[in-house]
């Protein structure tokens, strides 16, 4: 399995196709949902595992919370991961299009170690897994790191390992630069144009991948 895919699949979205995907994802075309508030994109605190777990479950990860008296597997494991890897993440204010190859280089190992992080309970232990790990990295760095799910990873990279995660960040970095160059706008103006003020381009590109790759799996 390699991280290489057909060039057509890897083509950057246009300003118009990205807008169509974001509008569909948010339900703005049908007027069924309001855009999320910009405050929802504040980076997660690196030292609050309880908040991180709640945030992950709000994103559909379905990780069981420890009951009163049960050992907490996730909290101590996340503290250990943070001590090893947090300092290697991009700066909180760095935007996806600003990432350099050097910024991206350590992220594969950060991601791989997060995938095997202990979660659940001693009676039903589990690891965090590929999708939840990518979501948590996005939560920690919402402006620069792009999450994925199984369908996105499989269709774009044929894998969900460290090399594929690196390839996904590089691909989305390149997409971000292309969209910004073609539109002539910055991220803030682009989000305003799409009717979702404050939404990071990293999340808009994830919206695009979800609409074009994940949702097509269910049809």
Protein backbone atom coordinates (compact mmCIF):
# COMPACT_ATOMS: atom_id res chain seq x y z
CA UNK A 1 0.00 0.00 0.00
CA UNK A 2 1.37 3.41 -0.87
CA UNK A 3 0.34 6.99 -0.37
CA UNK A 4 0.23 7.53 -4.17
CA UNK A 5 -3.11 7.96 -5.93
CA UNK A 6 -4.31 8.89 -9.40
CA UNK A 7 -3.62 12.54 -10.29
CA UNK A 8 -7.31 13.20 -10.99
CA UNK A 9 -8.24 12.23 -7.44
CA UNK A 10 -5.60 14.54 -6.05
CA UNK A 11 -6.66 17.58 -8.06
CA UNK A 12 -7.16 20.65 -5.91
CA UNK A 13 -10.74 21.88 -5.53
CA UNK A 14 -11.66 25.06 -7.34
CA UNK A 15 -13.04 28.06 -5.48
CA UNK A 16 -16.48 27.09 -6.79
CA UNK A 17 -16.30 23.36 -5.98
CA UNK A 18 -14.99 24.09 -2.50
CA UNK A 19 -17.83 26.53 -1.89
CA UNK A 20 -20.39 23.98 -3.08
CA UNK A 21 -18.99 21.34 -0.71
CA UNK A 22 -18.86 23.64 2.32
CA UNK A 23 -22.37 24.94 1.71
CA UNK A 24 -23.67 21.37 1.36
CA UNK A 25 -21.78 20.15 4.43
CA UNK A 26 -23.19 22.94 6.59
CA UNK A 27 -26.68 22.71 5.13
CA UNK A 28 -26.53 26.35 4.09
CA UNK A 29 -27.99 25.52 0.69
CA UNK A 30 -31.19 24.35 2.36
CA UNK A 31 -31.08 26.94 5.13
CA UNK A 32 -31.23 24.17 7.71
CA UNK A 33 -28.31 25.09 9.93
CA UNK A 34 -26.44 28.19 11.00
CA UNK A 35 -22.66 28.36 10.56
CA UNK A 36 -20.71 27.55 13.71
CA UNK A 37 -19.40 30.45 15.76
CA UNK A 38 -15.74 31.36 15.19
CA UNK A 39 -15.03 30.63 18.87
CA UNK A 40 -15.61 26.93 18.16
CA UNK A 41 -12.27 26.86 16.35
CA UNK A 42 -10.17 27.81 19.33
CA UNK A 43 -7.42 25.18 19.79
CA UNK A 44 -8.06 22.58 22.47
CA UNK A 45 -6.00 23.00 25.61
CA UNK A 46 -3.08 20.60 25.62
CA UNK A 47 -3.42 19.83 29.35
CA UNK A 48 -7.13 19.03 29.65
CA UNK A 49 -7.81 15.38 28.70
CA UNK A 50 -11.40 15.54 29.97
CA UNK A 51 -12.18 18.41 27.58
CA UNK A 52 -10.37 16.61 24.75
CA UNK A 53 -12.42 13.45 25.30
CA UNK A 54 -15.66 15.42 25.39
CA UNK A 55 -14.66 17.21 22.19
CA UNK A 56 -13.80 13.92 20.45
CA UNK A 57 -17.16 12.46 21.36
CA UNK A 58 -18.89 15.58 20.08
CA UNK A 59 -17.23 14.67 16.76
CA UNK A 60 -18.76 11.18 16.83
CA UNK A 61 -15.86 9.17 18.25
CA UNK A 62 -17.99 7.32 20.84
CA UNK A 63 -15.26 6.73 23.43
CA UNK A 64 -16.75 5.67 26.74
CA UNK A 65 -16.18 7.97 29.70
CA UNK A 66 -14.87 6.31 32.87
CA UNK A 67 -17.53 5.90 35.51
CA UNK A 68 -16.97 6.98 39.10
CA UNK A 69 -14.33 4.76 40.61
CA UNK A 70 -13.07 3.41 37.29
CA UNK A 71 -9.45 4.02 36.27
CA UNK A 72 -8.98 6.70 33.62
CA UNK A 73 -6.92 5.28 30.78
CA UNK A 74 -7.16 8.20 28.39
CA UNK A 75 -6.09 11.06 30.66
CA UNK A 76 -2.69 9.73 31.79
CA UNK A 77 -1.95 8.41 28.30
CA UNK A 78 -2.68 11.79 26.73
CA UNK A 79 -0.49 13.55 29.28
CA UNK A 80 2.38 11.19 28.31
CA UNK A 81 1.77 11.83 24.60
CA UNK A 82 1.72 15.57 25.21
CA UNK A 83 5.06 15.44 27.01
CA UNK A 84 6.62 13.64 24.03
CA UNK A 85 5.04 15.32 21.05
CA UNK A 86 3.17 18.56 21.77
CA UNK A 87 6.23 20.76 21.30
CA UNK A 88 6.62 19.44 17.75
CA UNK A 89 3.18 20.59 16.58
CA UNK A 90 2.92 23.76 14.49
CA UNK A 91 2.39 27.00 16.38
CA UNK A 92 -1.32 27.48 17.25
CA UNK A 93 -1.77 30.43 14.89
CA UNK A 94 -0.09 28.81 11.89
CA UNK A 95 -2.44 28.40 8.91
CA UNK A 96 -2.52 25.34 6.71
CA UNK A 97 -1.14 27.15 3.66
CA UNK A 98 1.78 28.43 5.73
CA UNK A 99 3.06 24.99 6.72
CA UNK A 100 6.56 24.18 5.52
CA UNK A 101 7.88 20.70 4.82
CA UNK A 102 9.88 20.99 8.04
CA UNK A 103 6.68 21.78 9.96
CA UNK A 104 5.01 18.68 8.53
CA UNK A 105 7.95 16.28 8.88
CA UNK A 106 7.46 15.26 12.57
CA UNK A 107 3.67 14.93 12.32
CA UNK A 108 3.67 11.33 11.11
CA UNK A 109 5.23 10.06 14.32
CA UNK A 110 3.04 12.36 16.41
CA UNK A 111 -0.01 10.89 14.70
CA UNK A 112 1.16 7.27 14.85
CA UNK A 113 1.80 7.47 18.59
CA UNK A 114 -1.58 9.09 19.13
CA UNK A 115 -3.33 6.30 17.19
CA UNK A 116 -2.23 3.71 19.75
CA UNK A 117 -3.11 5.88 22.76
CA UNK A 118 -5.05 3.96 25.42
CA UNK A 119 -8.73 4.84 25.77
CA UNK A 120 -11.92 3.25 27.03
CA UNK A 121 -11.88 1.38 30.33
CA UNK A 122 -9.81 -1.51 31.76
CA UNK A 123 -12.73 -3.85 31.14
CA UNK A 124 -13.12 -2.69 27.54
CA UNK A 125 -9.82 -1.12 26.53
CA UNK A 126 -9.29 0.30 23.06
CA UNK A 127 -6.84 2.49 21.26
CA UNK A 128 -7.72 5.92 19.98
CA UNK A 129 -7.41 4.81 16.36
CA UNK A 130 -6.65 6.58 13.10
CA UNK A 131 -9.77 8.70 12.66
CA UNK A 132 -9.96 9.91 16.27
CA UNK A 133 -6.21 10.63 16.32
CA UNK A 134 -6.51 12.82 13.24
CA UNK A 135 -9.51 14.61 14.74
CA UNK A 136 -7.68 15.28 17.99
CA UNK A 137 -4.69 16.72 16.13
CA UNK A 138 -7.11 18.95 14.25
CA UNK A 139 -8.65 19.99 17.57
CA UNK A 140 -5.23 20.89 18.93
CA UNK A 141 -4.29 22.77 15.74
CA UNK A 142 -7.57 23.62 13.97
CA UNK A 143 -6.00 26.15 11.61
CA UNK A 144 -3.25 23.94 10.26
CA UNK A 145 -3.94 20.19 10.60
CA UNK A 146 -6.58 18.41 8.53
CA UNK A 147 -8.50 15.39 9.86
CA UNK A 148 -9.69 12.42 7.85
CA UNK A 149 -11.88 9.36 8.08
CA UNK A 150 -11.44 5.87 6.66
CA UNK A 151 -12.97 6.66 3.28
CA UNK A 152 -10.90 9.81 2.76
CA UNK A 153 -7.67 8.06 3.76
CA UNK A 154 -8.39 5.02 1.61
CA UNK A 155 -9.41 6.94 -1.50
CA UNK A 156 -6.63 9.52 -1.34
CA UNK A 157 -3.75 7.53 0.13
CA UNK A 158 -4.67 3.82 0.27
CA UNK A 159 -3.55 3.71 3.89
CA UNK A 160 -3.94 5.32 7.31
CA UNK A 161 -0.39 4.99 8.57
CA UNK A 162 2.13 7.69 9.45
CA UNK A 163 3.32 8.11 5.85
CA UNK A 164 -0.27 8.53 4.62
CA UNK A 165 -0.99 11.11 7.33
CA UNK A 166 2.05 13.12 6.25
CA UNK A 167 0.92 12.86 2.64
CA UNK A 168 -2.54 14.10 3.64
CA UNK A 169 -1.16 17.19 5.34
CA UNK A 170 1.11 17.98 2.39
CA UNK A 171 -1.72 17.46 -0.09
CA UNK A 172 -4.09 19.74 1.82
CA UNK A 173 -1.35 22.33 2.29
CA UNK A 174 -0.91 22.39 -1.48
CA UNK A 175 -4.69 22.54 -2.01
CA UNK A 176 -4.94 25.45 0.41
CA UNK A 177 -2.26 27.40 -1.41
CA UNK A 178 -3.94 26.76 -4.77
CA UNK A 179 -7.40 27.81 -3.57
CA UNK A 180 -6.08 31.00 -1.97
CA UNK A 181 -4.04 31.88 -5.05
CA UNK A 182 -6.91 31.22 -7.44
CA UNK A 183 -9.45 33.12 -5.35
CA UNK A 184 -7.20 36.08 -4.60
CA UNK A 185 -8.61 36.05 -1.05
CA UNK A 186 -7.25 35.26 2.38
CA UNK A 187 -8.84 32.63 4.62
CA UNK A 188 -11.07 35.07 6.47
CA UNK A 189 -12.46 36.57 3.27
CA UNK A 190 -12.96 33.13 1.75
CA UNK A 191 -14.95 31.94 4.78
CA UNK A 192 -17.06 35.09 4.64
CA UNK A 193 -17.72 34.50 0.94
CA UNK A 194 -18.93 30.99 1.71
CA UNK A 195 -21.22 32.17 4.52
CA UNK A 196 -19.26 30.54 7.35
CA UNK A 197 -17.26 33.33 9.06
CA UNK A 198 -14.20 32.13 10.93
CA UNK A 199 -14.22 28.61 9.52
CA UNK A 200 -10.59 27.57 8.92
CA UNK A 201 -9.57 26.53 5.44
CA UNK A 202 -8.27 23.30 6.97
CA UNK A 203 -11.85 22.42 7.96
CA UNK A 204 -13.33 23.61 4.68
CA UNK A 205 -11.00 21.27 2.81
CA UNK A 206 -12.08 18.46 5.13
CA UNK A 207 -15.68 19.35 4.30
CA UNK A 208 -14.77 19.03 0.63
CA UNK A 209 -13.16 15.62 1.11
CA UNK A 210 -16.13 14.40 3.14
CA UNK A 211 -18.69 15.49 0.56
CA UNK A 212 -16.76 14.22 -2.45
CA UNK A 213 -15.23 11.04 -0.99
CA UNK A 214 -16.93 9.90 2.23
CA UNK A 215 -20.52 10.67 1.38
CA UNK A 216 -20.18 9.02 -2.00
CA UNK A 217 -19.46 5.75 -0.13
CA UNK A 218 -22.95 5.80 1.38
CA UNK A 219 -24.84 6.36 -1.86
